[in-house]
């Protein structure tokens, strides 16, 4: 059950990142194609994957702290670093919007899971 729970949490994180990138592409009229979304998402998905290399992420995949915070910080920090290195935009306004949106998504589903578990 633990492995299945972790796999579902990882899938939820991937879906959150893809949703974030899809919304961003749509709001900037960049076209919502699979190739386009993947081109935007790969830096952030790489950050998410790096966070999932931590043993704590697999042990407590739905925990808001420390797992959610680790996934969120890695997703944004690595994502922005890779965007800069690959010549994609990292304007301050984008960093702020990306940080807030991914926090809502990546931390939000975990907060919802915690509330559900308490009931």
PDB file of N, CA and C in Angstrom:
ATOM      1  N   UNK A   1       0.815  -1.200   0.000  1.00  0.00           N
ATOM      2  CA  UNK A   1       0.000   0.000   0.000  1.00  0.00           C
ATOM      3  C   UNK A   1       0.861   1.269   0.000  1.00  0.00           C
ATOM      4  N   UNK A   2       2.008   1.231   0.679  1.00  0.00           N
ATOM      5  CA  UNK A   2       2.881   2.394   0.743  1.00  0.00           C
ATOM      6  C   UNK A   2       3.421   2.790  -0.616  1.00  0.00           C
ATOM      7  N   UNK A   3       3.810   1.811  -1.410  1.00  0.00           N
ATOM      8  CA  UNK A   3       4.334   2.096  -2.744  1.00  0.00           C
ATOM      9  C   UNK A   3       3.238   2.659  -3.634  1.00  0.00           C
ATOM     10  N   UNK A   4       2.043   2.109  -3.513  1.00  0.00           N
ATOM     11  CA  UNK A   4       0.920   2.600  -4.307  1.00  0.00           C
ATOM     12  C   UNK A   4       0.579   4.039  -3.909  1.00  0.00           C
ATOM     13  N   UNK A   5       0.606   4.315  -2.634  1.00  0.00           N
ATOM     14  CA  UNK A   5       0.323   5.670  -2.146  1.00  0.00           C
ATOM     15  C   UNK A   5       1.362   6.653  -2.664  1.00  0.00           C
ATOM     16  N   UNK A   6       2.624   6.258  -2.632  1.00  0.00           N
ATOM     17  CA  UNK A   6       3.690   7.118  -3.134  1.00  0.00           C
ATOM     18  C   UNK A   6       3.547   7.340  -4.642  1.00  0.00           C
ATOM     19  N   UNK A   7       3.227   6.286  -5.371  1.00  0.00           N
ATOM     20  CA  UNK A   7       3.058   6.408  -6.821  1.00  0.00           C
ATOM     21  C   UNK A   7       1.906   7.356  -7.158  1.00  0.00           C
ATOM     22  N   UNK A   8       0.825   7.275  -6.409  1.00  0.00           N
ATOM     23  CA  UNK A   8      -0.308   8.177  -6.633  1.00  0.00           C
ATOM     24  C   UNK A   8       0.052   9.624  -6.289  1.00  0.00           C
ATOM     25  N   UNK A   9       0.846   9.802  -5.236  1.00  0.00           N
ATOM     26  CA  UNK A   9       1.289  11.143  -4.859  1.00  0.00           C
ATOM     27  C   UNK A   9       2.208  11.722  -5.932  1.00  0.00           C
ATOM     28  N   UNK A  10       3.108  10.904  -6.436  1.00  0.00           N
ATOM     29  CA  UNK A  10       3.988  11.355  -7.520  1.00  0.00           C
ATOM     30  C   UNK A  10       3.156  11.737  -8.741  1.00  0.00           C
ATOM     31  N   UNK A  11       2.185  10.920  -9.078  1.00  0.00           N
ATOM     32  CA  UNK A  11       1.302  11.227 -10.204  1.00  0.00           C
ATOM     33  C   UNK A  11       0.554  12.541  -9.963  1.00  0.00           C
ATOM     34  N   UNK A  12       0.082  12.748  -8.752  1.00  0.00           N
ATOM     35  CA  UNK A  12      -0.610  14.004  -8.423  1.00  0.00           C
ATOM     36  C   UNK A  12       0.316  15.194  -8.619  1.00  0.00           C
ATOM     37  N   UNK A  13       1.576  15.066  -8.208  1.00  0.00           N
ATOM     38  CA  UNK A  13       2.536  16.158  -8.391  1.00  0.00           C
ATOM     39  C   UNK A  13       2.781  16.434  -9.874  1.00  0.00           C
ATOM     40  N   UNK A  14       2.935  15.379 -10.657  1.00  0.00           N
ATOM     41  CA  UNK A  14       3.150  15.546 -12.100  1.00  0.00           C
ATOM     42  C   UNK A  14       1.943  16.231 -12.737  1.00  0.00           C
ATOM     43  N   UNK A  15       0.755  15.798 -12.359  1.00  0.00           N
ATOM     44  CA  UNK A  15      -0.469  16.412 -12.892  1.00  0.00           C
ATOM     45  C   UNK A  15      -0.519  17.893 -12.510  1.00  0.00           C
ATOM     46  N   UNK A  16      -0.163  18.219 -11.281  1.00  0.00           N
ATOM     47  CA  UNK A  16      -0.162  19.621 -10.845  1.00  0.00           C
ATOM     48  C   UNK A  16       0.779  20.467 -11.694  1.00  0.00           C
ATOM     49  N   UNK A  17       1.967  19.960 -11.949  1.00  0.00           N
ATOM     50  CA  UNK A  17       2.939  20.708 -12.762  1.00  0.00           C
ATOM     51  C   UNK A  17       2.427  20.867 -14.190  1.00  0.00           C
ATOM     52  N   UNK A  18       1.874  19.818 -14.752  1.00  0.00           N
ATOM     53  CA  UNK A  18       1.351  19.889 -16.122  1.00  0.00           C
ATOM     54  C   UNK A  18       0.166  20.860 -16.188  1.00  0.00           C
ATOM     55  N   UNK A  19      -0.698  20.840 -15.178  1.00  0.00           N
ATOM     56  CA  UNK A  19      -1.822  21.788 -15.136  1.00  0.00           C
ATOM     57  C   UNK A  19      -1.301  23.210 -15.075  1.00  0.00           C
ATOM     58  N   UNK A  20      -0.325  23.470 -14.214  1.00  0.00           N
ATOM     59  CA  UNK A  20       0.285  24.798 -14.113  1.00  0.00           C
ATOM     60  C   UNK A  20       0.814  25.259 -15.469  1.00  0.00           C
ATOM     61  N   UNK A  21       1.545  24.398 -16.153  1.00  0.00           N
ATOM     62  CA  UNK A  21       2.132  24.766 -17.445  1.00  0.00           C
ATOM     63  C   UNK A  21       1.069  24.937 -18.526  1.00  0.00           C
ATOM     64  N   UNK A  22       0.046  24.118 -18.480  1.00  0.00           N
ATOM     65  CA  UNK A  22      -1.046  24.233 -19.447  1.00  0.00           C
ATOM     66  C   UNK A  22      -1.794  25.552 -19.265  1.00  0.00           C
ATOM     67  N   UNK A  23      -2.089  25.897 -18.028  1.00  0.00           N
ATOM     68  CA  UNK A  23      -2.768  27.164 -17.749  1.00  0.00           C
ATOM     69  C   UNK A  23      -1.903  28.335 -18.213  1.00  0.00           C
ATOM     70  N   UNK A  24      -0.614  28.264 -17.926  1.00  0.00           N
ATOM     71  CA  UNK A  24       0.300  29.327 -18.343  1.00  0.00           C
ATOM     72  C   UNK A  24       0.351  29.493 -19.845  1.00  0.00           C
ATOM     73  N   UNK A  25       0.456  28.392 -20.560  1.00  0.00           N
ATOM     74  CA  UNK A  25       0.498  28.458 -22.027  1.00  0.00           C
ATOM     75  C   UNK A  25      -0.806  29.020 -22.576  1.00  0.00           C
ATOM     76  N   UNK A  26      -1.903  28.591 -21.993  1.00  0.00           N
ATOM     77  CA  UNK A  26      -3.208  29.071 -22.466  1.00  0.00           C
ATOM     78  C   UNK A  26      -3.376  30.561 -22.186  1.00  0.00           C
ATOM     79  N   UNK A  27      -2.954  31.011 -21.021  1.00  0.00           N
ATOM     80  CA  UNK A  27      -3.128  32.421 -20.672  1.00  0.00           C
ATOM     81  C   UNK A  27      -2.233  33.338 -21.499  1.00  0.00           C
ATOM     82  N   UNK A  28      -1.178  32.779 -22.078  1.00  0.00           N
ATOM     83  CA  UNK A  28      -0.283  33.573 -22.927  1.00  0.00           C
ATOM     84  C   UNK A  28      -0.479  33.257 -24.403  1.00  0.00           C
ATOM     85  N   UNK A  29      -1.566  32.568 -24.724  1.00  0.00           N
ATOM     86  CA  UNK A  29      -1.925  32.230 -26.110  1.00  0.00           C
ATOM     87  C   UNK A  29      -0.766  31.558 -26.847  1.00  0.00           C
ATOM     88  N   UNK A  30      -0.085  30.640 -26.154  1.00  0.00           N
ATOM     89  CA  UNK A  30       1.041  29.935 -26.763  1.00  0.00           C
ATOM     90  C   UNK A  30       0.618  28.624 -27.409  1.00  0.00           C
ATOM     91  N   UNK A  31      -0.596  28.253 -27.275  1.00  0.00           N
ATOM     92  CA  UNK A  31      -1.072  27.005 -27.857  1.00  0.00           C
ATOM     93  C   UNK A  31      -0.924  25.861 -26.877  1.00  0.00           C
ATOM     94  N   UNK A  32      -1.992  25.142 -26.705  1.00  0.00           N
ATOM     95  CA  UNK A  32      -1.987  24.023 -25.767  1.00  0.00           C
ATOM     96  C   UNK A  32      -1.908  22.727 -26.568  1.00  0.00           C
ATOM     97  N   UNK A  33      -0.675  22.368 -26.897  1.00  0.00           N
ATOM     98  CA  UNK A  33      -0.404  21.097 -27.557  1.00  0.00           C
ATOM     99  C   UNK A  33       0.443  20.254 -26.615  1.00  0.00           C
ATOM    100  N   UNK A  34       0.464  18.969 -26.846  1.00  0.00           N
ATOM    101  CA  UNK A  34       1.279  18.097 -25.990  1.00  0.00           C
ATOM    102  C   UNK A  34       2.735  18.521 -26.043  1.00  0.00           C
ATOM    103  N   UNK A  35       3.249  18.759 -27.240  1.00  0.00           N
ATOM    104  CA  UNK A  35       4.652  19.161 -27.386  1.00  0.00           C
ATOM    105  C   UNK A  35       4.919  20.501 -26.708  1.00  0.00           C
ATOM    106  N   UNK A  36       3.997  21.433 -26.850  1.00  0.00           N
ATOM    107  CA  UNK A  36       4.168  22.748 -26.237  1.00  0.00           C
ATOM    108  C   UNK A  36       4.149  22.685 -24.722  1.00  0.00           C
ATOM    109  N   UNK A  37       3.200  21.926 -24.181  1.00  0.00           N
ATOM    110  CA  UNK A  37       3.109  21.794 -22.719  1.00  0.00           C
ATOM    111  C   UNK A  37       4.361  21.103 -22.185  1.00  0.00           C
ATOM    112  N   UNK A  38       4.811  20.065 -22.863  1.00  0.00           N
ATOM    113  CA  UNK A  38       6.030  19.370 -22.414  1.00  0.00           C
ATOM    114  C   UNK A  38       7.255  20.268 -22.499  1.00  0.00           C
ATOM    115  N   UNK A  39       7.318  21.112 -23.520  1.00  0.00           N
ATOM    116  CA  UNK A  39       8.444  22.049 -23.649  1.00  0.00           C
ATOM    117  C   UNK A  39       8.465  23.033 -22.483  1.00  0.00           C
ATOM    118  N   UNK A  40       7.301  23.421 -22.027  1.00  0.00           N
ATOM    119  CA  UNK A  40       7.219  24.329 -20.889  1.00  0.00           C
ATOM    120  C   UNK A  40       7.422  23.589 -19.567  1.00  0.00           C
ATOM    121  N   UNK A  41       6.928  22.363 -19.502  1.00  0.00           N
ATOM    122  CA  UNK A  41       6.911  21.625 -18.238  1.00  0.00           C
ATOM    123  C   UNK A  41       8.219  20.943 -17.875  1.00  0.00           C
ATOM    124  N   UNK A  42       9.053  20.588 -18.846  1.00  0.00           N
ATOM    125  CA  UNK A  42      10.212  19.748 -18.518  1.00  0.00           C
ATOM    126  C   UNK A  42      11.120  20.330 -17.430  1.00  0.00           C
ATOM    127  N   UNK A  43      11.382  21.640 -17.395  1.00  0.00           N
ATOM    128  CA  UNK A  43      12.256  22.121 -16.306  1.00  0.00           C
ATOM    129  C   UNK A  43      11.623  21.908 -14.921  1.00  0.00           C
ATOM    130  N   UNK A  44      10.329  22.146 -14.838  1.00  0.00           N
ATOM    131  CA  UNK A  44       9.629  21.991 -13.559  1.00  0.00           C
ATOM    132  C   UNK A  44       9.477  20.518 -13.192  1.00  0.00           C
ATOM    133  N   UNK A  45       9.188  19.682 -14.175  1.00  0.00           N
ATOM    134  CA  UNK A  45       9.081  18.244 -13.906  1.00  0.00           C
ATOM    135  C   UNK A  45      10.424  17.671 -13.457  1.00  0.00           C
ATOM    136  N   UNK A  46      11.510  18.221 -13.976  1.00  0.00           N
ATOM    137  CA  UNK A  46      12.843  17.793 -13.533  1.00  0.00           C
ATOM    138  C   UNK A  46      13.026  18.130 -12.056  1.00  0.00           C
ATOM    139  N   UNK A  47      12.614  19.327 -11.665  1.00  0.00           N
ATOM    140  CA  UNK A  47      12.683  19.708 -10.249  1.00  0.00           C
ATOM    141  C   UNK A  47      11.830  18.812  -9.381  1.00  0.00           C
ATOM    142  N   UNK A  48      10.646  18.471  -9.863  1.00  0.00           N
ATOM    143  CA  UNK A  48       9.769  17.568  -9.125  1.00  0.00           C
ATOM    144  C   UNK A  48      10.436  16.204  -8.971  1.00  0.00           C
ATOM    145  N   UNK A  49      11.024  15.718 -10.049  1.00  0.00           N
ATOM    146  CA  UNK A  49      11.701  14.408 -10.009  1.00  0.00           C
ATOM    147  C   UNK A  49      12.859  14.415  -9.021  1.00  0.00           C
ATOM    148  N   UNK A  50      13.606  15.498  -8.976  1.00  0.00           N
ATOM    149  CA  UNK A  50      14.727  15.595  -8.029  1.00  0.00           C
ATOM    150  C   UNK A  50      14.216  15.512  -6.593  1.00  0.00           C
ATOM    151  N   UNK A  51      13.107  16.194  -6.317  1.00  0.00           N
ATOM    152  CA  UNK A  51      12.529  16.125  -4.964  1.00  0.00           C
ATOM    153  C   UNK A  51      12.132  14.696  -4.618  1.00  0.00           C
ATOM    154  N   UNK A  52      11.661  13.966  -5.608  1.00  0.00           N
ATOM    155  CA  UNK A  52      11.215  12.597  -5.366  1.00  0.00           C
ATOM    156  C   UNK A  52      12.380  11.625  -5.190  1.00  0.00           C
ATOM    157  N   UNK A  53      13.598  12.086  -5.371  1.00  0.00           N
ATOM    158  CA  UNK A  53      14.773  11.247  -5.086  1.00  0.00           C
ATOM    159  C   UNK A  53      15.047  11.167  -3.585  1.00  0.00           C
ATOM    160  N   UNK A  54      14.493  12.092  -2.820  1.00  0.00           N
ATOM    161  CA  UNK A  54      14.707  12.101  -1.375  1.00  0.00           C
ATOM    162  C   UNK A  54      13.910  10.973  -0.724  1.00  0.00           C
ATOM    163  N   UNK A  55      14.551  10.203   0.149  1.00  0.00           N
ATOM    164  CA  UNK A  55      13.853   9.093   0.808  1.00  0.00           C
ATOM    165  C   UNK A  55      12.605   9.525   1.571  1.00  0.00           C
ATOM    166  N   UNK A  56      12.635  10.686   2.177  1.00  0.00           N
ATOM    167  CA  UNK A  56      11.493  11.166   2.948  1.00  0.00           C
ATOM    168  C   UNK A  56      10.250  11.334   2.073  1.00  0.00           C
ATOM    169  N   UNK A  57      10.471  11.684   0.814  1.00  0.00           N
ATOM    170  CA  UNK A  57       9.350  11.876  -0.104  1.00  0.00           C
ATOM    171  C   UNK A  57       8.602  10.564  -0.304  1.00  0.00           C
ATOM    172  N   UNK A  58       9.340   9.474  -0.391  1.00  0.00           N
ATOM    173  CA  UNK A  58       8.715   8.159  -0.576  1.00  0.00           C
ATOM    174  C   UNK A  58       8.099   7.631   0.719  1.00  0.00           C
ATOM    175  N   UNK A  59       8.712   7.986   1.860  1.00  0.00           N
ATOM    176  CA  UNK A  59       8.181   7.512   3.142  1.00  0.00           C
ATOM    177  C   UNK A  59       6.901   8.236   3.546  1.00  0.00           C
ATOM    178  N   UNK A  60       6.855   9.533   3.268  1.00  0.00           N
ATOM    179  CA  UNK A  60       5.696  10.350   3.674  1.00  0.00           C
ATOM    180  C   UNK A  60       5.221  11.185   2.475  1.00  0.00           C
ATOM    181  N   UNK A  61       4.737  10.538   1.434  1.00  0.00           N
ATOM    182  CA  UNK A  61       4.442  11.238   0.175  1.00  0.00           C
ATOM    183  C   UNK A  61       3.335  12.279   0.242  1.00  0.00           C
ATOM    184  N   UNK A  62       2.411  12.139   1.171  1.00  0.00           N
ATOM    185  CA  UNK A  62       1.306  13.101   1.242  1.00  0.00           C
ATOM    186  C   UNK A  62       1.488  14.147   2.336  1.00  0.00           C
ATOM    187  N   UNK A  63       2.604  14.082   3.053  1.00  0.00           N
ATOM    188  CA  UNK A  63       2.844  15.038   4.138  1.00  0.00           C
ATOM    189  C   UNK A  63       3.075  16.441   3.578  1.00  0.00           C
ATOM    190  N   UNK A  64       2.397  17.400   4.169  1.00  0.00           N
ATOM    191  CA  UNK A  64       2.580  18.790   3.762  1.00  0.00           C
ATOM    192  C   UNK A  64       4.005  19.244   4.090  1.00  0.00           C
ATOM    193  N   UNK A  65       4.450  18.887   5.309  1.00  0.00           N
ATOM    194  CA  UNK A  65       5.809  19.184   5.762  1.00  0.00           C
ATOM    195  C   UNK A  65       6.422  17.870   6.221  1.00  0.00           C
ATOM    196  N   UNK A  66       7.562  17.492   5.744  1.00  0.00           N
ATOM    197  CA  UNK A  66       8.483  18.218   4.890  1.00  0.00           C
ATOM    198  C   UNK A  66       8.289  17.942   3.401  1.00  0.00           C
ATOM    199  N   UNK A  67       7.540  16.891   3.048  1.00  0.00           N
ATOM    200  CA  UNK A  67       7.484  16.450   1.658  1.00  0.00           C
ATOM    201  C   UNK A  67       6.933  17.515   0.718  1.00  0.00           C
ATOM    202  N   UNK A  68       5.780  18.056   1.032  1.00  0.00           N
ATOM    203  CA  UNK A  68       5.174  19.057   0.155  1.00  0.00           C
ATOM    204  C   UNK A  68       6.080  20.252  -0.064  1.00  0.00           C
ATOM    205  N   UNK A  69       6.673  20.734   1.020  1.00  0.00           N
ATOM    206  CA  UNK A  69       7.586  21.875   0.892  1.00  0.00           C
ATOM    207  C   UNK A  69       8.799  21.530   0.038  1.00  0.00           C
ATOM    208  N   UNK A  70       9.346  20.335   0.227  1.00  0.00           N
ATOM    209  CA  UNK A  70      10.502  19.913  -0.568  1.00  0.00           C
ATOM    210  C   UNK A  70      10.147  19.834  -2.051  1.00  0.00           C
ATOM    211  N   UNK A  71       9.023  19.218  -2.352  1.00  0.00           N
ATOM    212  CA  UNK A  71       8.602  19.098  -3.756  1.00  0.00           C
ATOM    213  C   UNK A  71       8.368  20.479  -4.357  1.00  0.00           C
ATOM    214  N   UNK A  72       7.702  21.341  -3.629  1.00  0.00           N
ATOM    215  CA  UNK A  72       7.423  22.683  -4.137  1.00  0.00           C
ATOM    216  C   UNK A  72       8.707  23.480  -4.389  1.00  0.00           C
ATOM    217  N   UNK A  73       9.586  23.517  -3.397  1.00  0.00           N
ATOM    218  CA  UNK A  73      10.823  24.288  -3.534  1.00  0.00           C
ATOM    219  C   UNK A  73      11.687  23.740  -4.676  1.00  0.00           C
ATOM    220  N   UNK A  74      11.838  22.433  -4.752  1.00  0.00           N
ATOM    221  CA  UNK A  74      12.637  21.838  -5.835  1.00  0.00           C
ATOM    222  C   UNK A  74      12.009  22.100  -7.196  1.00  0.00           C
ATOM    223  N   UNK A  75      10.697  21.981  -7.271  1.00  0.00           N
ATOM    224  CA  UNK A  75      10.010  22.216  -8.540  1.00  0.00           C
ATOM    225  C   UNK A  75      10.274  23.629  -9.043  1.00  0.00           C
ATOM    226  N   UNK A  76      10.124  24.608  -8.177  1.00  0.00           N
ATOM    227  CA  UNK A  76      10.313  26.003  -8.583  1.00  0.00           C
ATOM    228  C   UNK A  76      11.793  26.330  -8.785  1.00  0.00           C
ATOM    229  N   UNK A  77      12.644  25.984  -7.819  1.00  0.00           N
ATOM    230  CA  UNK A  77      14.057  26.366  -7.905  1.00  0.00           C
ATOM    231  C   UNK A  77      14.754  25.709  -9.092  1.00  0.00           C
ATOM    232  N   UNK A  78      14.617  24.411  -9.221  1.00  0.00           N
ATOM    233  CA  UNK A  78      15.257  23.712 -10.341  1.00  0.00           C
ATOM    234  C   UNK A  78      14.604  24.126 -11.654  1.00  0.00           C
ATOM    235  N   UNK A  79      13.283  24.257 -11.637  1.00  0.00           N
ATOM    236  CA  UNK A  79      12.583  24.689 -12.850  1.00  0.00           C
ATOM    237  C   UNK A  79      13.082  26.027 -13.353  1.00  0.00           C
ATOM    238  N   UNK A  80      13.234  26.982 -12.470  1.00  0.00           N
ATOM    239  CA  UNK A  80      13.713  28.311 -12.880  1.00  0.00           C
ATOM    240  C   UNK A  80      15.176  28.264 -13.329  1.00  0.00           C
ATOM    241  N   UNK A  81      15.990  27.501 -12.622  1.00  0.00           N
ATOM    242  CA  UNK A  81      17.388  27.365 -13.025  1.00  0.00           C
ATOM    243  C   UNK A  81      17.496  26.765 -14.429  1.00  0.00           C
ATOM    244  N   UNK A  82      16.757  25.711 -14.676  1.00  0.00           N
ATOM    245  CA  UNK A  82      16.808  25.073 -15.993  1.00  0.00           C
ATOM    246  C   UNK A  82      16.206  25.961 -17.079  1.00  0.00           C
ATOM    247  N   UNK A  83      15.178  26.718 -16.741  1.00  0.00           N
ATOM    248  CA  UNK A  83      14.618  27.668 -17.717  1.00  0.00           C
ATOM    249  C   UNK A  83      15.670  28.711 -18.090  1.00  0.00           C
ATOM    250  N   UNK A  84      16.369  29.219 -17.097  1.00  0.00           N
ATOM    251  CA  UNK A  84      17.405  30.229 -17.381  1.00  0.00           C
ATOM    252  C   UNK A  84      18.513  29.630 -18.240  1.00  0.00           C
ATOM    253  N   UNK A  85      18.983  28.431 -17.876  1.00  0.00           N
ATOM    254  CA  UNK A  85      20.062  27.785 -18.625  1.00  0.00           C
ATOM    255  C   UNK A  85      19.665  27.430 -20.052  1.00  0.00           C
ATOM    256  N   UNK A  86      18.366  27.198 -20.269  1.00  0.00           N
ATOM    257  CA  UNK A  86      17.899  26.826 -21.608  1.00  0.00           C
ATOM    258  C   UNK A  86      17.362  28.022 -22.399  1.00  0.00           C
ATOM    259  N   UNK A  87      17.536  29.220 -21.856  1.00  0.00           N
ATOM    260  CA  UNK A  87      17.148  30.420 -22.590  1.00  0.00           C
ATOM    261  C   UNK A  87      15.667  30.753 -22.521  1.00  0.00           C
ATOM    262  N   UNK A  88      14.962  30.156 -21.590  1.00  0.00           N
ATOM    263  CA  UNK A  88      13.546  30.474 -21.409  1.00  0.00           C
ATOM    264  C   UNK A  88      13.411  31.589 -20.377  1.00  0.00           C
ATOM    265  N   UNK A  89      12.264  32.214 -20.332  1.00  0.00           N
ATOM    266  CA  UNK A  89      12.063  33.373 -19.474  1.00  0.00           C
ATOM    267  C   UNK A  89      12.032  33.062 -17.989  1.00  0.00           C
ATOM    268  N   UNK A  90      12.646  33.964 -17.215  1.00  0.00           N
ATOM    269  CA  UNK A  90      12.609  33.879 -15.753  1.00  0.00           C
ATOM    270  C   UNK A  90      12.404  35.273 -15.154  1.00  0.00           C
ATOM    271  N   UNK A  91      11.535  36.047 -15.771  1.00  0.00           N
ATOM    272  CA  UNK A  91      11.226  37.382 -15.245  1.00  0.00           C
ATOM    273  C   UNK A  91      10.708  37.254 -13.818  1.00  0.00           C
ATOM    274  N   UNK A  92      10.978  38.255 -13.010  1.00  0.00           N
ATOM    275  CA  UNK A  92      10.565  38.233 -11.611  1.00  0.00           C
ATOM    276  C   UNK A  92       9.061  37.975 -11.473  1.00  0.00           C
ATOM    277  N   UNK A  93       8.274  38.601 -12.312  1.00  0.00           N
ATOM    278  CA  UNK A  93       6.823  38.397 -12.226  1.00  0.00           C
ATOM    279  C   UNK A  93       6.465  36.933 -12.499  1.00  0.00           C
ATOM    280  N   UNK A  94       7.168  36.290 -13.416  1.00  0.00           N
ATOM    281  CA  UNK A  94       6.912  34.881 -13.697  1.00  0.00           C
ATOM    282  C   UNK A  94       7.318  34.010 -12.514  1.00  0.00           C
ATOM    283  N   UNK A  95       8.444  34.322 -11.898  1.00  0.00           N
ATOM    284  CA  UNK A  95       8.899  33.562 -10.734  1.00  0.00           C
ATOM    285  C   UNK A  95       7.862  33.656  -9.615  1.00  0.00           C
ATOM    286  N   UNK A  96       7.330  34.838  -9.388  1.00  0.00           N
ATOM    287  CA  UNK A  96       6.327  35.028  -8.337  1.00  0.00           C
ATOM    288  C   UNK A  96       5.055  34.243  -8.661  1.00  0.00           C
ATOM    289  N   UNK A  97       4.554  34.391  -9.877  1.00  0.00           N
ATOM    290  CA  UNK A  97       3.327  33.689 -10.272  1.00  0.00           C
ATOM    291  C   UNK A  97       3.537  32.179 -10.228  1.00  0.00           C
ATOM    292  N   UNK A  98       4.668  31.712 -10.741  1.00  0.00           N
ATOM    293  CA  UNK A  98       4.960  30.270 -10.733  1.00  0.00           C
ATOM    294  C   UNK A  98       5.059  29.747  -9.302  1.00  0.00           C
ATOM    295  N   UNK A  99       5.705  30.506  -8.437  1.00  0.00           N
ATOM    296  CA  UNK A  99       5.850  30.084  -7.040  1.00  0.00           C
ATOM    297  C   UNK A  99       4.499  29.988  -6.352  1.00  0.00           C
ATOM    298  N   UNK A 100       3.663  30.993  -6.534  1.00  0.00           N
ATOM    299  CA  UNK A 100       2.350  30.993  -5.885  1.00  0.00           C
ATOM    300  C   UNK A 100       1.441  29.895  -6.452  1.00  0.00           C
ATOM    301  N   UNK A 101       1.433  29.769  -7.758  1.00  0.00           N
ATOM    302  CA  UNK A 101       0.545  28.785  -8.382  1.00  0.00           C
ATOM    303  C   UNK A 101       0.961  27.360  -8.032  1.00  0.00           C
ATOM    304  N   UNK A 102       2.247  27.078  -8.111  1.00  0.00           N
ATOM    305  CA  UNK A 102       2.689  25.721  -7.774  1.00  0.00           C
ATOM    306  C   UNK A 102       2.516  25.442  -6.282  1.00  0.00           C
ATOM    307  N   UNK A 103       2.640  26.466  -5.442  1.00  0.00           N
ATOM    308  CA  UNK A 103       2.389  26.270  -4.003  1.00  0.00           C
ATOM    309  C   UNK A 103       0.933  25.873  -3.787  1.00  0.00           C
ATOM    310  N   UNK A 104       0.031  26.580  -4.433  1.00  0.00           N
ATOM    311  CA  UNK A 104      -1.396  26.259  -4.294  1.00  0.00           C
ATOM    312  C   UNK A 104      -1.664  24.829  -4.750  1.00  0.00           C
ATOM    313  N   UNK A 105      -1.081  24.450  -5.880  1.00  0.00           N
ATOM    314  CA  UNK A 105      -1.343  23.119  -6.434  1.00  0.00           C
ATOM    315  C   UNK A 105      -0.642  22.010  -5.645  1.00  0.00           C
ATOM    316  N   UNK A 106       0.669  22.131  -5.461  1.00  0.00           N
ATOM    317  CA  UNK A 106       1.450  21.052  -4.838  1.00  0.00           C
ATOM    318  C   UNK A 106       1.208  20.931  -3.336  1.00  0.00           C
ATOM    319  N   UNK A 107       0.998  22.057  -2.687  1.00  0.00           N
ATOM    320  CA  UNK A 107       0.708  22.013  -1.256  1.00  0.00           C
ATOM    321  C   UNK A 107      -0.786  21.838  -1.010  1.00  0.00           C
ATOM    322  N   UNK A 108      -1.584  22.367  -1.915  1.00  0.00           N
ATOM    323  CA  UNK A 108      -3.028  22.310  -1.758  1.00  0.00           C
ATOM    324  C   UNK A 108      -3.596  20.905  -1.757  1.00  0.00           C
ATOM    325  N   UNK A 109      -3.131  20.061  -2.678  1.00  0.00           N
ATOM    326  CA  UNK A 109      -3.688  18.702  -2.689  1.00  0.00           C
ATOM    327  C   UNK A 109      -3.266  17.939  -1.442  1.00  0.00           C
ATOM    328  N   UNK A 110      -2.077  18.237  -0.932  1.00  0.00           N
ATOM    329  CA  UNK A 110      -1.626  17.578   0.299  1.00  0.00           C
ATOM    330  C   UNK A 110      -2.430  18.058   1.506  1.00  0.00           C
ATOM    331  N   UNK A 111      -2.742  19.351   1.540  1.00  0.00           N
ATOM    332  CA  UNK A 111      -3.571  19.869   2.634  1.00  0.00           C
ATOM    333  C   UNK A 111      -4.958  19.232   2.585  1.00  0.00           C
ATOM    334  N   UNK A 112      -5.488  19.079   1.384  1.00  0.00           N
ATOM    335  CA  UNK A 112      -6.779  18.407   1.228  1.00  0.00           C
ATOM    336  C   UNK A 112      -6.727  16.963   1.663  1.00  0.00           C
ATOM    337  N   UNK A 113      -5.650  16.284   1.347  1.00  0.00           N
ATOM    338  CA  UNK A 113      -5.482  14.885   1.764  1.00  0.00           C
ATOM    339  C   UNK A 113      -5.383  14.782   3.280  1.00  0.00           C
ATOM    340  N   UNK A 114      -4.714  15.742   3.907  1.00  0.00           N
ATOM    341  CA  UNK A 114      -4.585  15.729   5.373  1.00  0.00           C
ATOM    342  C   UNK A 114      -5.953  15.946   6.024  1.00  0.00           C
ATOM    343  N   UNK A 115      -6.728  16.856   5.489  1.00  0.00           N
ATOM    344  CA  UNK A 115      -8.076  17.085   6.029  1.00  0.00           C
ATOM    345  C   UNK A 115      -8.947  15.845   5.874  1.00  0.00           C
ATOM    346  N   UNK A 116      -8.841  15.219   4.737  1.00  0.00           N
ATOM    347  CA  UNK A 116      -9.621  14.006   4.486  1.00  0.00           C
ATOM    348  C   UNK A 116      -9.224  12.882   5.432  1.00  0.00           C
ATOM    349  N   UNK A 117      -7.921  12.758   5.692  1.00  0.00           N
ATOM    350  CA  UNK A 117      -7.439  11.696   6.579  1.00  0.00           C
ATOM    351  C   UNK A 117      -7.906  11.910   8.014  1.00  0.00           C
ATOM    352  N   UNK A 118      -8.081  13.152   8.418  1.00  0.00           N
ATOM    353  CA  UNK A 118      -8.532  13.446   9.784  1.00  0.00           C
ATOM    354  C   UNK A 118     -10.002  13.109   9.994  1.00  0.00           C
ATOM    355  N   UNK A 119     -10.764  13.076   8.923  1.00  0.00           N
ATOM    356  CA  UNK A 119     -12.210  12.810   9.035  1.00  0.00           C
ATOM    357  C   UNK A 119     -12.489  11.378   9.139  1.00  0.00           C
TER     358      UNK A 119
END
